[in-house]
Amino acid sequence: MGWDGPSTPVRSGVSMERVQHMTKSAIRRASMIEVNPQAKKNLQELFVNFTLILICLLLIYIIVLLSS
């Protein structure tokens, strides 16, 4: 006999609808959190710096690949 693909997952006590509801309510609660404007600015700058570092690393990686 061959393999017929994945079997149906074992049902836990949590339904998919319940998981979706919990996820939506968590996102709703998180979006209502008040953030200090200075902290928000710091996080944005941190994200920009992180993105720039990733871009630079990617460019270095491409240059190394092309030069070898």
C-alpha atoms as a PDB file:
ATOM      1  CA  MET A   1       0.000   0.000   0.000  1.00  0.00           C
ATOM      2  CA  GLY A   2       1.201   3.501  -0.813  1.00  0.00           C
ATOM      3  CA  TRP A   3       1.050   6.630   1.264  1.00  0.00           C
ATOM      4  CA  ASP A   4      -2.298   8.405   0.852  1.00  0.00           C
ATOM      5  CA  GLY A   5      -1.153  11.800   2.050  1.00  0.00           C
ATOM      6  CA  PRO A   6      -1.508  13.387   5.455  1.00  0.00           C
ATOM      7  CA  SER A   7      -4.164  11.965   7.708  1.00  0.00           C
ATOM      8  CA  THR A   8      -6.786  14.211   9.223  1.00  0.00           C
ATOM      9  CA  PRO A   9      -5.387  16.057  12.217  1.00  0.00           C
ATOM     10  CA  VAL A  10      -6.417  14.970  15.674  1.00  0.00           C
ATOM     11  CA  ARG A  11      -9.175  17.266  16.876  1.00  0.00           C
ATOM     12  CA  SER A  12      -8.271  19.234  19.921  1.00  0.00           C
ATOM     13  CA  GLY A  13     -10.804  21.044  22.052  1.00  0.00           C
ATOM     14  CA  VAL A  14     -10.312  24.314  20.129  1.00  0.00           C
ATOM     15  CA  SER A  15     -12.162  24.866  16.857  1.00  0.00           C
ATOM     16  CA  MET A  16     -10.798  26.931  13.987  1.00  0.00           C
ATOM     17  CA  GLU A  17     -13.538  29.533  14.474  1.00  0.00           C
ATOM     18  CA  ARG A  18     -12.507  29.917  18.104  1.00  0.00           C
ATOM     19  CA  VAL A  19      -8.867  30.403  17.103  1.00  0.00           C
ATOM     20  CA  GLN A  20      -9.873  33.052  14.543  1.00  0.00           C
ATOM     21  CA  HIS A  21     -12.026  34.819  17.139  1.00  0.00           C
ATOM     22  CA  MET A  22      -9.178  34.794  19.674  1.00  0.00           C
ATOM     23  CA  THR A  23      -6.757  36.127  17.049  1.00  0.00           C
ATOM     24  CA  LYS A  24      -9.091  38.940  15.979  1.00  0.00           C
ATOM     25  CA  SER A  25      -9.800  39.979  19.571  1.00  0.00           C
ATOM     26  CA  ALA A  26      -6.068  39.943  20.390  1.00  0.00           C
ATOM     27  CA  ILE A  27      -5.329  42.142  17.361  1.00  0.00           C
ATOM     28  CA  ARG A  28      -8.169  44.482  18.364  1.00  0.00           C
ATOM     29  CA  ARG A  29      -6.804  44.780  21.912  1.00  0.00           C
ATOM     30  CA  ALA A  30      -3.246  45.327  20.665  1.00  0.00           C
ATOM     31  CA  SER A  31      -4.357  48.074  18.273  1.00  0.00           C
ATOM     32  CA  MET A  32      -6.060  49.954  21.127  1.00  0.00           C
ATOM     33  CA  ILE A  33      -2.878  50.166  23.227  1.00  0.00           C
ATOM     34  CA  GLU A  34      -1.705  53.748  23.678  1.00  0.00           C
ATOM     35  CA  VAL A  35       1.951  54.167  22.717  1.00  0.00           C
ATOM     36  CA  ASN A  36       4.118  57.019  23.890  1.00  0.00           C
ATOM     37  CA  PRO A  37       4.930  59.192  20.812  1.00  0.00           C
ATOM     38  CA  GLN A  38       8.645  59.142  21.692  1.00  0.00           C
ATOM     39  CA  ALA A  39       8.586  55.352  21.984  1.00  0.00           C
ATOM     40  CA  LYS A  40       6.742  55.122  18.666  1.00  0.00           C
ATOM     41  CA  LYS A  41       9.366  57.326  17.002  1.00  0.00           C
ATOM     42  CA  ASN A  42      12.173  55.220  18.501  1.00  0.00           C
ATOM     43  CA  LEU A  43      10.561  52.011  17.241  1.00  0.00           C
ATOM     44  CA  GLN A  44      10.146  53.473  13.756  1.00  0.00           C
ATOM     45  CA  GLU A  45      13.794  54.543  13.664  1.00  0.00           C
ATOM     46  CA  LEU A  46      14.853  51.125  14.946  1.00  0.00           C
ATOM     47  CA  PHE A  47      12.811  49.434  12.213  1.00  0.00           C
ATOM     48  CA  VAL A  48      14.326  51.696   9.530  1.00  0.00           C
ATOM     49  CA  ASN A  49      17.850  51.005  10.795  1.00  0.00           C
ATOM     50  CA  PHE A  50      17.188  47.268  10.901  1.00  0.00           C
ATOM     51  CA  THR A  51      15.821  47.355   7.345  1.00  0.00           C
ATOM     52  CA  LEU A  52      18.821  49.330   6.081  1.00  0.00           C
ATOM     53  CA  ILE A  53      21.217  46.865   7.719  1.00  0.00           C
ATOM     54  CA  LEU A  54      19.393  43.959   6.058  1.00  0.00           C
ATOM     55  CA  ILE A  55      19.584  45.689   2.665  1.00  0.00           C
ATOM     56  CA  CYS A  56      23.309  46.349   3.118  1.00  0.00           C
ATOM     57  CA  LEU A  57      23.953  42.726   4.107  1.00  0.00           C
ATOM     58  CA  LEU A  58      22.008  41.545   1.077  1.00  0.00           C
ATOM     59  CA  LEU A  59      24.024  43.828  -1.217  1.00  0.00           C
ATOM     60  CA  ILE A  60      27.300  42.606   0.302  1.00  0.00           C
ATOM     61  CA  TYR A  61      26.156  39.008  -0.177  1.00  0.00           C
ATOM     62  CA  ILE A  62      25.277  39.683  -3.840  1.00  0.00           C
ATOM     63  CA  ILE A  63      28.620  41.399  -4.466  1.00  0.00           C
ATOM     64  CA  VAL A  64      30.502  38.470  -2.900  1.00  0.00           C
ATOM     65  CA  LEU A  65      28.507  36.011  -5.011  1.00  0.00           C
ATOM     66  CA  LEU A  66      29.161  37.949  -8.215  1.00  0.00           C
ATOM     67  CA  SER A  67      32.872  38.388  -7.538  1.00  0.00           C
ATOM     68  CA  SER A  68      33.550  34.680  -6.981  1.00  0.00           C
END
